[in-house]
């Protein structure tokens, strides 16, 4: 049981770090849209965005590996609780929403790469609305994990 708690702890820490990147990368896009043609500001924001995007991928990968251990660890580790049973439909819904958030993150990263290649962004107002999407996903994911409704 001790291995389970440590695995879950680090899984949550990496998920929190990834969600920070998911929330902040679109904010960098908003700042890029509002920076105009100031090359020094655009260069700094571009560098920050690239580093954040890389960091987010690393955090997602670590949380994914630990999530798989949480999901299937009972097969390999003694006294490890299982999440594979009836009544775990919430887990499938959560995984679907995580995949949607990951697609959102990739989409944000593509926008960043496009800006760095010279393409334009949508308006800062549109990007601000785009920035709010992951909040809704996170609320539903947390509710699914806590309530386990089905």
C-alpha atoms as a PDB file:
ATOM      1  CA  UNK A   1       0.000   0.000   0.000  1.00  0.00           C
ATOM      2  CA  UNK A   2       2.943   2.322   0.646  1.00  0.00           C
ATOM      3  CA  UNK A   3       4.069   2.050  -3.010  1.00  0.00           C
ATOM      4  CA  UNK A   4       0.529   2.925  -4.091  1.00  0.00           C
ATOM      5  CA  UNK A   5       0.460   6.111  -1.995  1.00  0.00           C
ATOM      6  CA  UNK A   6       3.863   7.239  -3.273  1.00  0.00           C
ATOM      7  CA  UNK A   7       2.913   6.484  -6.860  1.00  0.00           C
ATOM      8  CA  UNK A   8      -0.333   8.405  -6.490  1.00  0.00           C
ATOM      9  CA  UNK A   9       1.459  11.316  -4.799  1.00  0.00           C
ATOM     10  CA  UNK A  10       3.963  11.723  -7.618  1.00  0.00           C
ATOM     11  CA  UNK A  11       1.259  11.194 -10.233  1.00  0.00           C
ATOM     12  CA  UNK A  12      -0.706  14.104  -8.734  1.00  0.00           C
ATOM     13  CA  UNK A  13       2.387  16.332  -8.503  1.00  0.00           C
ATOM     14  CA  UNK A  14       3.192  15.744 -12.178  1.00  0.00           C
ATOM     15  CA  UNK A  15      -0.440  16.271 -13.184  1.00  0.00           C
ATOM     16  CA  UNK A  16      -0.473  19.598 -11.320  1.00  0.00           C
ATOM     17  CA  UNK A  17       2.750  20.644 -13.057  1.00  0.00           C
ATOM     18  CA  UNK A  18       1.322  19.657 -16.459  1.00  0.00           C
ATOM     19  CA  UNK A  19      -1.908  21.545 -15.784  1.00  0.00           C
ATOM     20  CA  UNK A  20       0.148  24.636 -14.935  1.00  0.00           C
ATOM     21  CA  UNK A  21       1.663  24.387 -18.420  1.00  0.00           C
ATOM     22  CA  UNK A  22      -1.773  23.792 -19.963  1.00  0.00           C
ATOM     23  CA  UNK A  23      -3.068  26.952 -18.285  1.00  0.00           C
ATOM     24  CA  UNK A  24      -0.039  29.152 -18.969  1.00  0.00           C
ATOM     25  CA  UNK A  25       0.857  28.309 -22.578  1.00  0.00           C
ATOM     26  CA  UNK A  26      -2.319  29.952 -23.983  1.00  0.00           C
ATOM     27  CA  UNK A  27      -1.602  32.966 -21.776  1.00  0.00           C
ATOM     28  CA  UNK A  28       1.784  33.292 -23.485  1.00  0.00           C
ATOM     29  CA  UNK A  29      -0.107  33.221 -26.795  1.00  0.00           C
ATOM     30  CA  UNK A  30      -2.316  36.076 -25.566  1.00  0.00           C
ATOM     31  CA  UNK A  31       0.799  38.062 -24.654  1.00  0.00           C
ATOM     32  CA  UNK A  32       2.328  37.322 -28.057  1.00  0.00           C
ATOM     33  CA  UNK A  33      -0.844  38.545 -29.779  1.00  0.00           C
ATOM     34  CA  UNK A  34      -0.707  41.753 -27.756  1.00  0.00           C
ATOM     35  CA  UNK A  35       3.066  42.283 -28.131  1.00  0.00           C
ATOM     36  CA  UNK A  36       2.690  43.713 -31.607  1.00  0.00           C
ATOM     37  CA  UNK A  37       5.931  43.927 -33.523  1.00  0.00           C
ATOM     38  CA  UNK A  38       8.296  44.369 -30.569  1.00  0.00           C
ATOM     39  CA  UNK A  39      11.041  41.869 -31.460  1.00  0.00           C
ATOM     40  CA  UNK A  40      12.641  41.633 -28.018  1.00  0.00           C
ATOM     41  CA  UNK A  41       9.312  40.936 -26.299  1.00  0.00           C
ATOM     42  CA  UNK A  42       8.261  38.443 -28.965  1.00  0.00           C
ATOM     43  CA  UNK A  43      11.618  36.657 -28.731  1.00  0.00           C
ATOM     44  CA  UNK A  44      11.410  36.407 -24.930  1.00  0.00           C
ATOM     45  CA  UNK A  45       7.800  35.160 -25.019  1.00  0.00           C
ATOM     46  CA  UNK A  46       8.669  32.686 -27.778  1.00  0.00           C
ATOM     47  CA  UNK A  47      11.539  31.271 -25.738  1.00  0.00           C
ATOM     48  CA  UNK A  48       9.343  31.057 -22.630  1.00  0.00           C
ATOM     49  CA  UNK A  49       6.646  29.297 -24.655  1.00  0.00           C
ATOM     50  CA  UNK A  50       9.066  26.777 -26.133  1.00  0.00           C
ATOM     51  CA  UNK A  51      10.521  25.921 -22.734  1.00  0.00           C
ATOM     52  CA  UNK A  52       7.078  25.661 -21.167  1.00  0.00           C
ATOM     53  CA  UNK A  53       5.840  23.443 -23.993  1.00  0.00           C
ATOM     54  CA  UNK A  54       8.806  21.086 -23.534  1.00  0.00           C
ATOM     55  CA  UNK A  55       8.341  21.100 -19.745  1.00  0.00           C
ATOM     56  CA  UNK A  56       4.642  20.291 -20.158  1.00  0.00           C
ATOM     57  CA  UNK A  57       5.418  17.307 -22.361  1.00  0.00           C
ATOM     58  CA  UNK A  58       7.854  15.940 -19.793  1.00  0.00           C
ATOM     59  CA  UNK A  59       5.331  16.385 -16.969  1.00  0.00           C
ATOM     60  CA  UNK A  60       2.587  14.764 -19.048  1.00  0.00           C
ATOM     61  CA  UNK A  61       4.829  11.817 -19.847  1.00  0.00           C
ATOM     62  CA  UNK A  62       5.748  11.260 -16.210  1.00  0.00           C
ATOM     63  CA  UNK A  63       2.140  11.551 -15.068  1.00  0.00           C
ATOM     64  CA  UNK A  64       1.066   9.155 -17.832  1.00  0.00           C
ATOM     65  CA  UNK A  65       3.617   6.521 -16.814  1.00  0.00           C
ATOM     66  CA  UNK A  66       2.615   6.792 -13.158  1.00  0.00           C
ATOM     67  CA  UNK A  67      -1.071   6.758 -14.133  1.00  0.00           C
ATOM     68  CA  UNK A  68      -0.521   3.488 -15.974  1.00  0.00           C
ATOM     69  CA  UNK A  69       1.198   2.080 -12.890  1.00  0.00           C
ATOM     70  CA  UNK A  70      -1.789   3.176 -10.788  1.00  0.00           C
ATOM     71  CA  UNK A  71      -4.148   1.579 -13.280  1.00  0.00           C
ATOM     72  CA  UNK A  72      -2.336  -1.719 -13.823  1.00  0.00           C
ATOM     73  CA  UNK A  73       0.083  -1.946 -10.896  1.00  0.00           C
ATOM     74  CA  UNK A  74      -1.994  -4.620  -9.200  1.00  0.00           C
ATOM     75  CA  UNK A  75      -0.695  -7.079 -11.818  1.00  0.00           C
ATOM     76  CA  UNK A  76       2.934  -6.564 -10.830  1.00  0.00           C
ATOM     77  CA  UNK A  77       3.072  -5.244  -7.273  1.00  0.00           C
ATOM     78  CA  UNK A  78       1.839  -7.191  -4.230  1.00  0.00           C
ATOM     79  CA  UNK A  79      -0.955  -5.603  -2.150  1.00  0.00           C
ATOM     80  CA  UNK A  80      -1.555  -2.961  -4.830  1.00  0.00           C
ATOM     81  CA  UNK A  81      -5.211  -1.896  -5.141  1.00  0.00           C
ATOM     82  CA  UNK A  82      -6.919  -2.324  -8.488  1.00  0.00           C
ATOM     83  CA  UNK A  83      -8.856   0.212 -10.499  1.00  0.00           C
ATOM     84  CA  UNK A  84      -9.929  -2.430 -12.999  1.00  0.00           C
ATOM     85  CA  UNK A  85     -13.359  -3.541 -11.868  1.00  0.00           C
ATOM     86  CA  UNK A  86     -17.006  -2.835 -12.421  1.00  0.00           C
ATOM     87  CA  UNK A  87     -17.988   0.679 -11.468  1.00  0.00           C
ATOM     88  CA  UNK A  88     -14.919   2.283 -13.016  1.00  0.00           C
ATOM     89  CA  UNK A  89     -16.662   3.975 -15.927  1.00  0.00           C
ATOM     90  CA  UNK A  90     -15.651   7.281 -14.370  1.00  0.00           C
ATOM     91  CA  UNK A  91     -12.026   6.353 -15.105  1.00  0.00           C
ATOM     92  CA  UNK A  92     -12.760   5.941 -18.811  1.00  0.00           C
ATOM     93  CA  UNK A  93     -14.551   9.299 -18.879  1.00  0.00           C
ATOM     94  CA  UNK A  94     -11.603  10.903 -17.079  1.00  0.00           C
ATOM     95  CA  UNK A  95      -9.122   9.398 -19.536  1.00  0.00           C
ATOM     96  CA  UNK A  96     -11.179  10.705 -22.437  1.00  0.00           C
ATOM     97  CA  UNK A  97     -11.137  14.215 -20.962  1.00  0.00           C
ATOM     98  CA  UNK A  98      -7.392  13.980 -20.307  1.00  0.00           C
ATOM     99  CA  UNK A  99      -6.925  13.053 -23.981  1.00  0.00           C
ATOM    100  CA  UNK A 100      -9.003  16.108 -24.960  1.00  0.00           C
ATOM    101  CA  UNK A 101      -6.866  18.341 -22.710  1.00  0.00           C
ATOM    102  CA  UNK A 102      -3.710  16.857 -24.224  1.00  0.00           C
ATOM    103  CA  UNK A 103      -5.050  17.606 -27.718  1.00  0.00           C
ATOM    104  CA  UNK A 104      -5.759  21.167 -26.541  1.00  0.00           C
ATOM    105  CA  UNK A 105      -2.163  21.427 -25.304  1.00  0.00           C
ATOM    106  CA  UNK A 106      -0.792  20.145 -28.623  1.00  0.00           C
ATOM    107  CA  UNK A 107      -3.018  22.623 -30.479  1.00  0.00           C
ATOM    108  CA  UNK A 108      -1.662  25.458 -28.314  1.00  0.00           C
ATOM    109  CA  UNK A 109       1.866  24.296 -29.045  1.00  0.00           C
ATOM    110  CA  UNK A 110       1.170  24.275 -32.785  1.00  0.00           C
ATOM    111  CA  UNK A 111      -0.040  27.869 -32.543  1.00  0.00           C
ATOM    112  CA  UNK A 112       3.158  28.782 -30.719  1.00  0.00           C
ATOM    113  CA  UNK A 113       5.316  27.102 -33.358  1.00  0.00           C
ATOM    114  CA  UNK A 114       3.323  28.862 -36.061  1.00  0.00           C
ATOM    115  CA  UNK A 115       3.886  32.268 -34.476  1.00  0.00           C
ATOM    116  CA  UNK A 116       7.596  31.582 -34.209  1.00  0.00           C
ATOM    117  CA  UNK A 117       7.569  30.672 -37.916  1.00  0.00           C
ATOM    118  CA  UNK A 118       5.896  33.993 -38.767  1.00  0.00           C
ATOM    119  CA  UNK A 119       2.224  33.045 -38.940  1.00  0.00           C
ATOM    120  CA  UNK A 120      -0.396  35.176 -37.235  1.00  0.00           C
ATOM    121  CA  UNK A 121      -2.563  34.378 -34.226  1.00  0.00           C
ATOM    122  CA  UNK A 122      -6.248  34.953 -33.609  1.00  0.00           C
ATOM    123  CA  UNK A 123      -7.165  38.105 -31.693  1.00  0.00           C
ATOM    124  CA  UNK A 124      -6.160  38.390 -28.054  1.00  0.00           C
ATOM    125  CA  UNK A 125      -9.853  38.358 -27.123  1.00  0.00           C
ATOM    126  CA  UNK A 126     -10.379  35.024 -28.901  1.00  0.00           C
ATOM    127  CA  UNK A 127      -7.242  33.659 -27.259  1.00  0.00           C
ATOM    128  CA  UNK A 128      -8.525  34.744 -23.841  1.00  0.00           C
ATOM    129  CA  UNK A 129     -11.683  32.683 -24.422  1.00  0.00           C
ATOM    130  CA  UNK A 130      -9.561  29.792 -25.684  1.00  0.00           C
ATOM    131  CA  UNK A 131      -7.544  30.085 -22.460  1.00  0.00           C
ATOM    132  CA  UNK A 132     -10.636  29.254 -20.362  1.00  0.00           C
ATOM    133  CA  UNK A 133     -11.398  25.877 -21.959  1.00  0.00           C
ATOM    134  CA  UNK A 134      -9.071  23.748 -19.789  1.00  0.00           C
ATOM    135  CA  UNK A 135     -10.646  25.110 -16.592  1.00  0.00           C
ATOM    136  CA  UNK A 136     -13.923  23.425 -17.509  1.00  0.00           C
ATOM    137  CA  UNK A 137     -12.156  20.181 -18.357  1.00  0.00           C
ATOM    138  CA  UNK A 138     -10.222  20.188 -15.100  1.00  0.00           C
ATOM    139  CA  UNK A 139     -13.366  20.796 -13.028  1.00  0.00           C
ATOM    140  CA  UNK A 140     -15.102  17.825 -14.649  1.00  0.00           C
ATOM    141  CA  UNK A 141     -12.012  15.604 -14.254  1.00  0.00           C
ATOM    142  CA  UNK A 142     -11.658  16.432 -10.558  1.00  0.00           C
ATOM    143  CA  UNK A 143     -15.384  15.835 -10.030  1.00  0.00           C
ATOM    144  CA  UNK A 144     -15.170  12.450 -11.779  1.00  0.00           C
ATOM    145  CA  UNK A 145     -12.207  11.386  -9.631  1.00  0.00           C
ATOM    146  CA  UNK A 146     -13.817  12.484  -6.368  1.00  0.00           C
ATOM    147  CA  UNK A 147     -17.455  11.489  -7.014  1.00  0.00           C
ATOM    148  CA  UNK A 148     -16.835   8.335  -9.092  1.00  0.00           C
ATOM    149  CA  UNK A 149     -20.429   8.627 -10.324  1.00  0.00           C
ATOM    150  CA  UNK A 150     -20.431   5.524 -12.540  1.00  0.00           C
END
